[in-house]
Amino acid sequence: MARYAFDEAGYEETTDGAKRPDRSTSLKREQEATADDLWSRGEVTHALKGADDPDTRWQTIEEVIARVDAKLLSLRKKTQKALRD
């Protein structure tokens, strides 16, 4: 049987004892990351199903730009009117 010798010089025993680190914050972050991952995967799955659906209406870039320009123009008019009033 092997025997070991330990040098205890300079060792001070603490009265509060060894405590495990608090893992609650780390575990909460891990759970949030898992939930976010599941949500992201669900969104991608939903988008892929929509893309594969033959009834999906695709928009051209020109249609999107026209819609955004119209919305911006509307917002500019509302802002200018609010500033005058």
C-alpha atoms as a PDB file:
ATOM      1  CA  MET A   1       0.000   0.000   0.000  1.00  0.00           C
ATOM      2  CA  ALA A   2       1.406   3.387  -1.004  1.00  0.00           C
ATOM      3  CA  ARG A   3       1.748   6.142   1.579  1.00  0.00           C
ATOM      4  CA  TYR A   4       1.861   9.840   0.872  1.00  0.00           C
ATOM      5  CA  ALA A   5       3.327  12.682   2.854  1.00  0.00           C
ATOM      6  CA  PHE A   6       1.807  16.144   2.695  1.00  0.00           C
ATOM      7  CA  ASP A   7       3.560  19.375   3.521  1.00  0.00           C
ATOM      8  CA  GLU A   8       1.062  21.391   5.541  1.00  0.00           C
ATOM      9  CA  ALA A   9       3.381  24.318   6.172  1.00  0.00           C
ATOM     10  CA  GLY A  10       1.559  27.584   5.596  1.00  0.00           C
ATOM     11  CA  TYR A  11      -1.829  25.915   5.342  1.00  0.00           C
ATOM     12  CA  GLU A  12      -4.643  27.651   7.167  1.00  0.00           C
ATOM     13  CA  GLU A  13      -7.980  25.955   7.546  1.00  0.00           C
ATOM     14  CA  THR A  14     -10.855  28.300   6.893  1.00  0.00           C
ATOM     15  CA  THR A  15     -13.763  28.337   9.291  1.00  0.00           C
ATOM     16  CA  ASP A  16     -16.437  28.880   6.670  1.00  0.00           C
ATOM     17  CA  GLY A  17     -15.556  25.731   4.746  1.00  0.00           C
ATOM     18  CA  ALA A  18     -15.337  25.276   1.021  1.00  0.00           C
ATOM     19  CA  LYS A  19     -18.403  26.483  -0.836  1.00  0.00           C
ATOM     20  CA  ARG A  20     -19.509  25.548  -4.280  1.00  0.00           C
ATOM     21  CA  PRO A  21     -19.718  28.453  -6.702  1.00  0.00           C
ATOM     22  CA  ASP A  22     -23.208  29.749  -7.403  1.00  0.00           C
ATOM     23  CA  ARG A  23     -24.224  28.279 -10.757  1.00  0.00           C
ATOM     24  CA  SER A  24     -27.714  29.792 -10.922  1.00  0.00           C
ATOM     25  CA  THR A  25     -26.698  32.710 -13.157  1.00  0.00           C
ATOM     26  CA  SER A  26     -24.802  30.452 -15.514  1.00  0.00           C
ATOM     27  CA  LEU A  27     -27.631  27.931 -15.645  1.00  0.00           C
ATOM     28  CA  LYS A  28     -30.188  30.688 -16.281  1.00  0.00           C
ATOM     29  CA  ARG A  29     -28.089  31.973 -19.217  1.00  0.00           C
ATOM     30  CA  GLU A  30     -27.817  28.448 -20.562  1.00  0.00           C
ATOM     31  CA  GLN A  31     -31.596  27.958 -20.342  1.00  0.00           C
ATOM     32  CA  GLU A  32     -32.207  31.287 -22.099  1.00  0.00           C
ATOM     33  CA  ALA A  33     -29.751  30.340 -24.841  1.00  0.00           C
ATOM     34  CA  THR A  34     -31.521  26.998 -25.279  1.00  0.00           C
ATOM     35  CA  ALA A  35     -34.909  28.722 -25.473  1.00  0.00           C
ATOM     36  CA  ASP A  36     -33.554  31.227 -27.998  1.00  0.00           C
ATOM     37  CA  ASP A  37     -32.093  28.394 -30.061  1.00  0.00           C
ATOM     38  CA  LEU A  38     -35.412  26.533 -30.085  1.00  0.00           C
ATOM     39  CA  TRP A  39     -37.266  29.703 -31.076  1.00  0.00           C
ATOM     40  CA  SER A  40     -34.770  30.397 -33.900  1.00  0.00           C
ATOM     41  CA  ARG A  41     -35.056  26.857 -35.203  1.00  0.00           C
ATOM     42  CA  GLY A  42     -38.840  27.149 -35.150  1.00  0.00           C
ATOM     43  CA  GLU A  43     -38.721  30.406 -37.106  1.00  0.00           C
ATOM     44  CA  VAL A  44     -36.396  28.895 -39.717  1.00  0.00           C
ATOM     45  CA  THR A  45     -38.598  25.809 -40.027  1.00  0.00           C
ATOM     46  CA  HIS A  46     -41.683  28.009 -40.474  1.00  0.00           C
ATOM     47  CA  ALA A  47     -39.914  30.151 -43.093  1.00  0.00           C
ATOM     48  CA  LEU A  48     -38.731  27.098 -45.029  1.00  0.00           C
ATOM     49  CA  LYS A  49     -42.261  25.665 -45.073  1.00  0.00           C
ATOM     50  CA  GLY A  50     -43.521  28.994 -46.384  1.00  0.00           C
ATOM     51  CA  ALA A  51     -40.831  29.086 -49.047  1.00  0.00           C
ATOM     52  CA  ASP A  52     -41.745  25.576 -50.181  1.00  0.00           C
ATOM     53  CA  ASP A  53     -45.485  26.354 -50.314  1.00  0.00           C
ATOM     54  CA  PRO A  54     -46.601  26.734 -53.951  1.00  0.00           C
ATOM     55  CA  ASP A  55     -49.189  29.346 -52.877  1.00  0.00           C
ATOM     56  CA  THR A  56     -46.515  31.673 -51.506  1.00  0.00           C
ATOM     57  CA  ARG A  57     -46.498  35.030 -53.295  1.00  0.00           C
ATOM     58  CA  TRP A  58     -42.987  36.280 -53.859  1.00  0.00           C
ATOM     59  CA  GLN A  59     -42.314  40.011 -54.084  1.00  0.00           C
ATOM     60  CA  THR A  60     -39.804  41.573 -56.399  1.00  0.00           C
ATOM     61  CA  ILE A  61     -37.272  44.026 -55.038  1.00  0.00           C
ATOM     62  CA  GLU A  62     -39.026  46.763 -56.993  1.00  0.00           C
ATOM     63  CA  GLU A  63     -42.310  46.039 -55.173  1.00  0.00           C
ATOM     64  CA  VAL A  64     -40.593  46.121 -51.800  1.00  0.00           C
ATOM     65  CA  ILE A  65     -38.771  49.377 -52.553  1.00  0.00           C
ATOM     66  CA  ALA A  66     -41.999  50.998 -53.778  1.00  0.00           C
ATOM     67  CA  ARG A  67     -43.819  49.938 -50.595  1.00  0.00           C
ATOM     68  CA  VAL A  68     -41.030  51.209 -48.331  1.00  0.00           C
ATOM     69  CA  ASP A  69     -40.788  54.508 -50.263  1.00  0.00           C
ATOM     70  CA  ALA A  70     -44.542  55.020 -49.899  1.00  0.00           C
ATOM     71  CA  LYS A  71     -44.357  54.352 -46.165  1.00  0.00           C
ATOM     72  CA  LEU A  72     -41.418  56.741 -45.735  1.00  0.00           C
ATOM     73  CA  LEU A  73     -43.235  59.454 -47.665  1.00  0.00           C
ATOM     74  CA  SER A  74     -46.294  58.992 -45.475  1.00  0.00           C
ATOM     75  CA  LEU A  75     -44.186  59.227 -42.320  1.00  0.00           C
ATOM     76  CA  ARG A  76     -42.399  62.352 -43.586  1.00  0.00           C
ATOM     77  CA  LYS A  77     -45.742  64.044 -44.272  1.00  0.00           C
ATOM     78  CA  LYS A  78     -47.032  63.148 -40.790  1.00  0.00           C
ATOM     79  CA  THR A  79     -43.822  64.430 -39.174  1.00  0.00           C
ATOM     80  CA  GLN A  80     -43.882  67.702 -41.113  1.00  0.00           C
ATOM     81  CA  LYS A  81     -47.532  68.227 -40.237  1.00  0.00           C
ATOM     82  CA  ALA A  82     -46.857  67.539 -36.554  1.00  0.00           C
ATOM     83  CA  LEU A  83     -43.946  70.018 -36.562  1.00  0.00           C
ATOM     84  CA  ARG A  84     -46.124  72.763 -38.083  1.00  0.00           C
ATOM     85  CA  ASP A  85     -48.941  72.280 -35.576  1.00  0.00           C
END
